[in-house]
PDB file of N, CA and C in Angstrom:
ATOM      1  N   MET A   1       0.853  -1.172   0.000  1.00  0.00           N
ATOM      2  CA  MET A   1       0.000   0.000   0.000  1.00  0.00           C
ATOM      3  C   MET A   1       0.897   1.232   0.000  1.00  0.00           C
ATOM      4  N   ASN A   2       0.562   2.217  -0.841  1.00  0.00           N
ATOM      5  CA  ASN A   2       1.345   3.449  -0.816  1.00  0.00           C
ATOM      6  C   ASN A   2       0.591   4.518  -0.029  1.00  0.00           C
ATOM      7  N   ALA A   3       1.251   5.622   0.217  1.00  0.00           N
ATOM      8  CA  ALA A   3       0.701   6.663   1.092  1.00  0.00           C
ATOM      9  C   ALA A   3      -0.574   7.285   0.555  1.00  0.00           C
ATOM     10  N   SER A   4      -0.811   7.225  -0.758  1.00  0.00           N
ATOM     11  CA  SER A   4      -2.003   7.855  -1.315  1.00  0.00           C
ATOM     12  C   SER A   4      -3.229   6.948  -1.250  1.00  0.00           C
ATOM     13  N   GLU A   5      -3.040   5.663  -0.949  1.00  0.00           N
ATOM     14  CA  GLU A   5      -4.174   4.753  -0.856  1.00  0.00           C
ATOM     15  C   GLU A   5      -4.814   4.867   0.523  1.00  0.00           C
ATOM     16  N   PRO A   6      -6.165   4.869   0.539  1.00  0.00           N
ATOM     17  CA  PRO A   6      -6.821   4.929   1.846  1.00  0.00           C
ATOM     18  C   PRO A   6      -6.586   3.627   2.603  1.00  0.00           C
ATOM     19  N   SER A   7      -6.450   3.738   3.892  1.00  0.00           N
ATOM     20  CA  SER A   7      -6.266   2.537   4.690  1.00  0.00           C
ATOM     21  C   SER A   7      -7.632   1.942   4.998  1.00  0.00           C
ATOM     22  N   ILE A   8      -7.726   0.638   4.869  1.00  0.00           N
ATOM     23  CA  ILE A   8      -8.971  -0.062   5.153  1.00  0.00           C
ATOM     24  C   ILE A   8      -8.815  -0.711   6.521  1.00  0.00           C
ATOM     25  N   GLN A   9      -9.750  -0.390   7.394  1.00  0.00           N
ATOM     26  CA  GLN A   9      -9.673  -0.925   8.742  1.00  0.00           C
ATOM     27  C   GLN A   9     -10.627  -2.105   8.858  1.00  0.00           C
ATOM     28  N   HIS A  10     -10.117  -3.221   9.334  1.00  0.00           N
ATOM     29  CA  HIS A  10     -10.934  -4.405   9.549  1.00  0.00           C
ATOM     30  C   HIS A  10     -11.118  -4.584  11.048  1.00  0.00           C
ATOM     31  N   ASP A  11     -12.364  -4.543  11.483  1.00  0.00           N
ATOM     32  CA  ASP A  11     -12.645  -4.685  12.899  1.00  0.00           C
ATOM     33  C   ASP A  11     -12.968  -6.124  13.274  1.00  0.00           C
ATOM     34  N   SER A  12     -12.995  -7.015  12.291  1.00  0.00           N
ATOM     35  CA  SER A  12     -13.346  -8.392  12.592  1.00  0.00           C
ATOM     36  C   SER A  12     -12.199  -9.095  13.307  1.00  0.00           C
ATOM     37  N   ILE A  13     -12.567 -10.133  14.034  1.00  0.00           N
ATOM     38  CA  ILE A  13     -11.568 -10.938  14.725  1.00  0.00           C
ATOM     39  C   ILE A  13     -11.747 -12.395  14.315  1.00  0.00           C
ATOM     40  N   ARG A  14     -10.703 -13.161  14.498  1.00  0.00           N
ATOM     41  CA  ARG A  14     -10.761 -14.595  14.233  1.00  0.00           C
ATOM     42  C   ARG A  14     -10.591 -15.316  15.551  1.00  0.00           C
ATOM     43  N   CYS A  15     -11.445 -16.310  15.765  1.00  0.00           N
ATOM     44  CA  CYS A  15     -11.310 -17.130  16.959  1.00  0.00           C
ATOM     45  C   CYS A  15     -11.721 -18.553  16.619  1.00  0.00           C
ATOM     46  N   THR A  16     -11.631 -19.420  17.589  1.00  0.00           N
ATOM     47  CA  THR A  16     -11.997 -20.816  17.395  1.00  0.00           C
ATOM     48  C   THR A  16     -13.192 -21.122  18.280  1.00  0.00           C
ATOM     49  N   LEU A  17     -14.234 -21.692  17.685  1.00  0.00           N
ATOM     50  CA  LEU A  17     -15.430 -22.085  18.423  1.00  0.00           C
ATOM     51  C   LEU A  17     -15.571 -23.594  18.324  1.00  0.00           C
ATOM     52  N   ASN A  18     -15.433 -24.269  19.445  1.00  0.00           N
ATOM     53  CA  ASN A  18     -15.521 -25.734  19.486  1.00  0.00           C
ATOM     54  C   ASN A  18     -14.638 -26.376  18.423  1.00  0.00           C
ATOM     55  N   GLY A  19     -13.427 -25.855  18.275  1.00  0.00           N
ATOM     56  CA  GLY A  19     -12.453 -26.415  17.350  1.00  0.00           C
ATOM     57  C   GLY A  19     -12.564 -25.937  15.912  1.00  0.00           C
ATOM     58  N   LYS A  20     -13.540 -25.094  15.613  1.00  0.00           N
ATOM     59  CA  LYS A  20     -13.750 -24.592  14.249  1.00  0.00           C
ATOM     60  C   LYS A  20     -13.363 -23.115  14.176  1.00  0.00           C
ATOM     61  N   ALA A  21     -12.542 -22.772  13.195  1.00  0.00           N
ATOM     62  CA  ALA A  21     -12.134 -21.374  13.016  1.00  0.00           C
ATOM     63  C   ALA A  21     -13.309 -20.567  12.477  1.00  0.00           C
ATOM     64  N   ILE A  22     -13.573 -19.424  13.106  1.00  0.00           N
ATOM     65  CA  ILE A  22     -14.632 -18.527  12.643  1.00  0.00           C
ATOM     66  C   ILE A  22     -14.105 -17.099  12.647  1.00  0.00           C
ATOM     67  N   GLU A  23     -14.761 -16.257  11.860  1.00  0.00           N
ATOM     68  CA  GLU A  23     -14.432 -14.832  11.838  1.00  0.00           C
ATOM     69  C   GLU A  23     -15.666 -14.074  12.292  1.00  0.00           C
ATOM     70  N   LEU A  24     -15.459 -13.122  13.186  1.00  0.00           N
ATOM     71  CA  LEU A  24     -16.563 -12.359  13.756  1.00  0.00           C
ATOM     72  C   LEU A  24     -16.421 -10.882  13.435  1.00  0.00           C
ATOM     73  N   PRO A  25     -17.537 -10.205  13.130  1.00  0.00           N
ATOM     74  CA  PRO A  25     -17.481  -8.772  12.849  1.00  0.00           C
ATOM     75  C   PRO A  25     -17.501  -7.926  14.122  1.00  0.00           C
ATOM     76  N   HIS A  26     -17.421  -8.556  15.280  1.00  0.00           N
ATOM     77  CA  HIS A  26     -17.531  -7.866  16.568  1.00  0.00           C
ATOM     78  C   HIS A  26     -16.756  -8.664  17.602  1.00  0.00           C
ATOM     79  N   ARG A  27     -16.805  -8.248  18.848  1.00  0.00           N
ATOM     80  CA  ARG A  27     -16.067  -8.936  19.915  1.00  0.00           C
ATOM     81  C   ARG A  27     -16.974  -9.513  21.003  1.00  0.00           C
ATOM     82  N   SER A  28     -18.256  -9.430  20.847  1.00  0.00           N
ATOM     83  CA  SER A  28     -19.194  -9.842  21.892  1.00  0.00           C
ATOM     84  C   SER A  28     -19.382 -11.359  21.944  1.00  0.00           C
ATOM     85  N   LEU A  29     -19.112 -11.956  23.116  1.00  0.00           N
ATOM     86  CA  LEU A  29     -19.340 -13.389  23.304  1.00  0.00           C
ATOM     87  C   LEU A  29     -20.813 -13.714  23.119  1.00  0.00           C
ATOM     88  N   HIS A  30     -21.680 -12.931  23.732  1.00  0.00           N
ATOM     89  CA  HIS A  30     -23.124 -13.156  23.635  1.00  0.00           C
ATOM     90  C   HIS A  30     -23.590 -13.109  22.180  1.00  0.00           C
ATOM     91  N   GLN A  31     -23.178 -12.098  21.434  1.00  0.00           N
ATOM     92  CA  GLN A  31     -23.584 -11.960  20.037  1.00  0.00           C
ATOM     93  C   GLN A  31     -23.034 -13.104  19.197  1.00  0.00           C
ATOM     94  N   MET A  32     -21.817 -13.547  19.468  1.00  0.00           N
ATOM     95  CA  MET A  32     -21.239 -14.677  18.751  1.00  0.00           C
ATOM     96  C   MET A  32     -22.093 -15.921  18.950  1.00  0.00           C
ATOM     97  N   MET A  33     -22.552 -16.143  20.180  1.00  0.00           N
ATOM     98  CA  MET A  33     -23.389 -17.304  20.454  1.00  0.00           C
ATOM     99  C   MET A  33     -24.676 -17.248  19.640  1.00  0.00           C
ATOM    100  N   VAL A  34     -25.327 -16.101  19.628  1.00  0.00           N
ATOM    101  CA  VAL A  34     -26.571 -15.937  18.873  1.00  0.00           C
ATOM    102  C   VAL A  34     -26.325 -16.196  17.387  1.00  0.00           C
ATOM    103  N   GLU A  35     -25.273 -15.597  16.832  1.00  0.00           N
ATOM    104  CA  GLU A  35     -24.974 -15.758  15.405  1.00  0.00           C
ATOM    105  C   GLU A  35     -24.619 -17.194  15.037  1.00  0.00           C
ATOM    106  N   GLN A  36     -24.078 -17.937  15.988  1.00  0.00           N
ATOM    107  CA  GLN A  36     -23.691 -19.322  15.722  1.00  0.00           C
ATOM    108  C   GLN A  36     -24.814 -20.310  16.063  1.00  0.00           C
ATOM    109  N   GLY A  37     -26.001 -19.794  16.353  1.00  0.00           N
ATOM    110  CA  GLY A  37     -27.164 -20.650  16.578  1.00  0.00           C
ATOM    111  C   GLY A  37     -27.296 -21.201  17.988  1.00  0.00           C
ATOM    112  N   VAL A  38     -26.597 -20.601  18.934  1.00  0.00           N
ATOM    113  CA  VAL A  38     -26.691 -21.024  20.333  1.00  0.00           C
ATOM    114  C   VAL A  38     -27.625 -20.056  21.052  1.00  0.00           C
ATOM    115  N   ASN A  39     -28.680 -20.579  21.646  1.00  0.00           N
ATOM    116  CA  ASN A  39     -29.612 -19.734  22.387  1.00  0.00           C
ATOM    117  C   ASN A  39     -29.049 -19.483  23.783  1.00  0.00           C
ATOM    118  N   PRO A  40     -28.544 -18.279  24.059  1.00  0.00           N
ATOM    119  CA  PRO A  40     -27.934 -18.005  25.354  1.00  0.00           C
ATOM    120  C   PRO A  40     -28.916 -18.055  26.523  1.00  0.00           C
ATOM    121  N   GLU A  41     -30.205 -18.044  26.229  1.00  0.00           N
ATOM    122  CA  GLU A  41     -31.211 -18.091  27.290  1.00  0.00           C
ATOM    123  C   GLU A  41     -31.537 -19.527  27.690  1.00  0.00           C
ATOM    124  N   LYS A  42     -31.113 -20.487  26.905  1.00  0.00           N
ATOM    125  CA  LYS A  42     -31.410 -21.895  27.156  1.00  0.00           C
ATOM    126  C   LYS A  42     -30.600 -22.396  28.356  1.00  0.00           C
ATOM    127  N   PRO A  43     -31.254 -23.101  29.286  1.00  0.00           N
ATOM    128  CA  PRO A  43     -30.501 -23.650  30.416  1.00  0.00           C
ATOM    129  C   PRO A  43     -29.599 -24.799  29.959  1.00  0.00           C
ATOM    130  N   GLY A  44     -28.597 -25.107  30.760  1.00  0.00           N
ATOM    131  CA  GLY A  44     -27.735 -26.244  30.471  1.00  0.00           C
ATOM    132  C   GLY A  44     -26.584 -25.943  29.536  1.00  0.00           C
ATOM    133  N   ILE A  45     -26.220 -24.666  29.390  1.00  0.00           N
ATOM    134  CA  ILE A  45     -25.110 -24.280  28.519  1.00  0.00           C
ATOM    135  C   ILE A  45     -23.965 -23.770  29.389  1.00  0.00           C
ATOM    136  N   ALA A  46     -22.765 -24.225  29.066  1.00  0.00           N
ATOM    137  CA  ALA A  46     -21.557 -23.731  29.735  1.00  0.00           C
ATOM    138  C   ALA A  46     -20.615 -23.195  28.668  1.00  0.00           C
ATOM    139  N   VAL A  47     -19.904 -22.115  28.997  1.00  0.00           N
ATOM    140  CA  VAL A  47     -18.984 -21.489  28.046  1.00  0.00           C
ATOM    141  C   VAL A  47     -17.631 -21.287  28.719  1.00  0.00           C
ATOM    142  N   ALA A  48     -16.579 -21.617  27.973  1.00  0.00           N
ATOM    143  CA  ALA A  48     -15.214 -21.350  28.433  1.00  0.00           C
ATOM    144  C   ALA A  48     -14.482 -20.590  27.339  1.00  0.00           C
ATOM    145  N   VAL A  49     -13.712 -19.598  27.729  1.00  0.00           N
ATOM    146  CA  VAL A  49     -12.859 -18.848  26.807  1.00  0.00           C
ATOM    147  C   VAL A  49     -11.423 -19.067  27.266  1.00  0.00           C
ATOM    148  N   ASN A  50     -10.620 -19.628  26.370  1.00  0.00           N
ATOM    149  CA  ASN A  50      -9.218 -19.936  26.690  1.00  0.00           C
ATOM    150  C   ASN A  50      -9.108 -20.760  27.976  1.00  0.00           C
ATOM    151  N   ASP A  51      -9.949 -21.793  28.060  1.00  0.00           N
ATOM    152  CA  ASP A  51      -9.953 -22.751  29.178  1.00  0.00           C
ATOM    153  C   ASP A  51     -10.406 -22.162  30.510  1.00  0.00           C
ATOM    154  N   THR A  52     -11.033 -20.995  30.485  1.00  0.00           N
ATOM    155  CA  THR A  52     -11.571 -20.389  31.702  1.00  0.00           C
ATOM    156  C   THR A  52     -13.084 -20.271  31.560  1.00  0.00           C
ATOM    157  N   VAL A  53     -13.819 -20.871  32.495  1.00  0.00           N
ATOM    158  CA  VAL A  53     -15.277 -20.827  32.446  1.00  0.00           C
ATOM    159  C   VAL A  53     -15.753 -19.390  32.644  1.00  0.00           C
ATOM    160  N   VAL A  54     -16.708 -18.987  31.799  1.00  0.00           N
ATOM    161  CA  VAL A  54     -17.300 -17.647  31.889  1.00  0.00           C
ATOM    162  C   VAL A  54     -18.699 -17.802  32.480  1.00  0.00           C
ATOM    163  N   ARG A  55     -18.955 -17.123  33.576  1.00  0.00           N
ATOM    164  CA  ARG A  55     -20.278 -17.196  34.199  1.00  0.00           C
ATOM    165  C   ARG A  55     -21.333 -16.635  33.253  1.00  0.00           C
ATOM    166  N   ARG A  56     -22.493 -17.259  33.277  1.00  0.00           N
ATOM    167  CA  ARG A  56     -23.606 -16.825  32.425  1.00  0.00           C
ATOM    168  C   ARG A  56     -23.889 -15.336  32.611  1.00  0.00           C
ATOM    169  N   SER A  57     -23.800 -14.848  33.818  1.00  0.00           N
ATOM    170  CA  SER A  57     -24.085 -13.430  34.088  1.00  0.00           C
ATOM    171  C   SER A  57     -23.062 -12.503  33.433  1.00  0.00           C
ATOM    172  N   ASP A  58     -21.939 -13.049  32.974  1.00  0.00           N
ATOM    173  CA  ASP A  58     -20.896 -12.240  32.332  1.00  0.00           C
ATOM    174  C   ASP A  58     -20.883 -12.353  30.809  1.00  0.00           C
ATOM    175  N   TRP A  59     -21.720 -13.192  30.235  1.00  0.00           N
ATOM    176  CA  TRP A  59     -21.677 -13.415  28.785  1.00  0.00           C
ATOM    177  C   TRP A  59     -21.859 -12.130  27.984  1.00  0.00           C
ATOM    178  N   LYS A  60     -22.815 -11.291  28.368  1.00  0.00           N
ATOM    179  CA  LYS A  60     -23.088 -10.074  27.584  1.00  0.00           C
ATOM    180  C   LYS A  60     -21.954  -9.060  27.666  1.00  0.00           C
ATOM    181  N   GLN A  61     -21.201  -9.050  28.764  1.00  0.00           N
ATOM    182  CA  GLN A  61     -20.116  -8.086  28.936  1.00  0.00           C
ATOM    183  C   GLN A  61     -18.767  -8.622  28.452  1.00  0.00           C
ATOM    184  N   THR A  62     -18.694  -9.920  28.160  1.00  0.00           N
ATOM    185  CA  THR A  62     -17.413 -10.522  27.787  1.00  0.00           C
ATOM    186  C   THR A  62     -17.084 -10.226  26.335  1.00  0.00           C
ATOM    187  N   GLU A  63     -15.917  -9.640  26.117  1.00  0.00           N
ATOM    188  CA  GLU A  63     -15.446  -9.363  24.764  1.00  0.00           C
ATOM    189  C   GLU A  63     -14.356 -10.355  24.403  1.00  0.00           C
ATOM    190  N   LEU A  64     -14.433 -10.844  23.190  1.00  0.00           N
ATOM    191  CA  LEU A  64     -13.440 -11.785  22.691  1.00  0.00           C
ATOM    192  C   LEU A  64     -12.288 -11.028  22.053  1.00  0.00           C
ATOM    193  N   ALA A  65     -11.134 -11.667  22.026  1.00  0.00           N
ATOM    194  CA  ALA A  65      -9.950 -11.093  21.388  1.00  0.00           C
ATOM    195  C   ALA A  65      -9.534 -11.997  20.237  1.00  0.00           C
ATOM    196  N   ASP A  66      -8.833 -11.426  19.297  1.00  0.00           N
ATOM    197  CA  ASP A  66      -8.333 -12.187  18.163  1.00  0.00           C
ATOM    198  C   ASP A  66      -7.521 -13.380  18.676  1.00  0.00           C
ATOM    199  N   GLY A  67      -7.845 -14.573  18.186  1.00  0.00           N
ATOM    200  CA  GLY A  67      -7.119 -15.773  18.577  1.00  0.00           C
ATOM    201  C   GLY A  67      -7.707 -16.521  19.759  1.00  0.00           C
ATOM    202  N   ASP A  68      -8.787 -16.011  20.365  1.00  0.00           N
ATOM    203  CA  ASP A  68      -9.389 -16.704  21.503  1.00  0.00           C
ATOM    204  C   ASP A  68      -9.941 -18.066  21.089  1.00  0.00           C
ATOM    205  N   HIS A  69      -9.930 -18.993  22.045  1.00  0.00           N
ATOM    206  CA  HIS A  69     -10.519 -20.318  21.864  1.00  0.00           C
ATOM    207  C   HIS A  69     -11.757 -20.385  22.749  1.00  0.00           C
ATOM    208  N   VAL A  70     -12.916 -20.584  22.114  1.00  0.00           N
ATOM    209  CA  VAL A  70     -14.185 -20.618  22.830  1.00  0.00           C
ATOM    210  C   VAL A  70     -14.764 -22.029  22.738  1.00  0.00           C
ATOM    211  N   GLU A  71     -15.191 -22.553  23.870  1.00  0.00           N
ATOM    212  CA  GLU A  71     -15.876 -23.841  23.913  1.00  0.00           C
ATOM    213  C   GLU A  71     -17.263 -23.603  24.479  1.00  0.00           C
ATOM    214  N   VAL A  72     -18.285 -24.045  23.734  1.00  0.00           N
ATOM    215  CA  VAL A  72     -19.662 -23.964  24.194  1.00  0.00           C
ATOM    216  C   VAL A  72     -20.146 -25.399  24.356  1.00  0.00           C
ATOM    217  N   ILE A  73     -20.552 -25.739  25.569  1.00  0.00           N
ATOM    218  CA  ILE A  73     -20.987 -27.097  25.869  1.00  0.00           C
ATOM    219  C   ILE A  73     -22.447 -27.048  26.282  1.00  0.00           C
ATOM    220  N   THR A  74     -23.246 -27.918  25.669  1.00  0.00           N
ATOM    221  CA  THR A  74     -24.662 -28.001  25.985  1.00  0.00           C
ATOM    222  C   THR A  74     -24.942 -29.349  26.631  1.00  0.00           C
ATOM    223  N   ALA A  75     -25.519 -29.331  27.826  1.00  0.00           N
ATOM    224  CA  ALA A  75     -25.880 -30.568  28.509  1.00  0.00           C
ATOM    225  C   ALA A  75     -27.057 -31.211  27.788  1.00  0.00           C
ATOM    226  N   MET A  76     -26.982 -32.527  27.650  1.00  0.00           N
ATOM    227  CA  MET A  76     -28.063 -33.267  27.000  1.00  0.00           C
ATOM    228  C   MET A  76     -28.553 -34.343  27.955  1.00  0.00           C
ATOM    229  N   GLN A  77     -29.856 -34.562  27.917  1.00  0.00           N
ATOM    230  CA  GLN A  77     -30.443 -35.583  28.764  1.00  0.00           C
ATOM    231  C   GLN A  77     -30.585 -36.856  27.948  1.00  0.00           C
ATOM    232  N   GLY A  78     -30.396 -37.954  28.556  1.00  0.00           N
ATOM    233  CA  GLY A  78     -30.556 -39.221  27.846  1.00  0.00           C
ATOM    234  C   GLY A  78     -29.759 -40.311  28.513  1.00  0.00           C
ATOM    235  N   GLY A  79     -29.776 -41.454  27.905  1.00  0.00           N
ATOM    236  CA  GLY A  79     -29.037 -42.536  28.526  1.00  0.00           C
ATOM    237  C   GLY A  79     -28.765 -43.664  27.608  1.00  0.00           C
TER     238      GLY A  79
END
């Protein structure tokens, strides 16, 4: 890029969700869950970011960083 070209800013981040690489246009953990088809209001869901469990009450305030590893686990009933 030369000095006369406008700089293009990319605000998206890349992270891993349950072992799958994804790109997000934002940093919100809660919004990422919604976009990936996870209902954050559903009981029985646990979330960890970089091997640290995130309390449900913190999901909306938690911001992801480029390179984060997110695991979303849903409890299932059965036998």
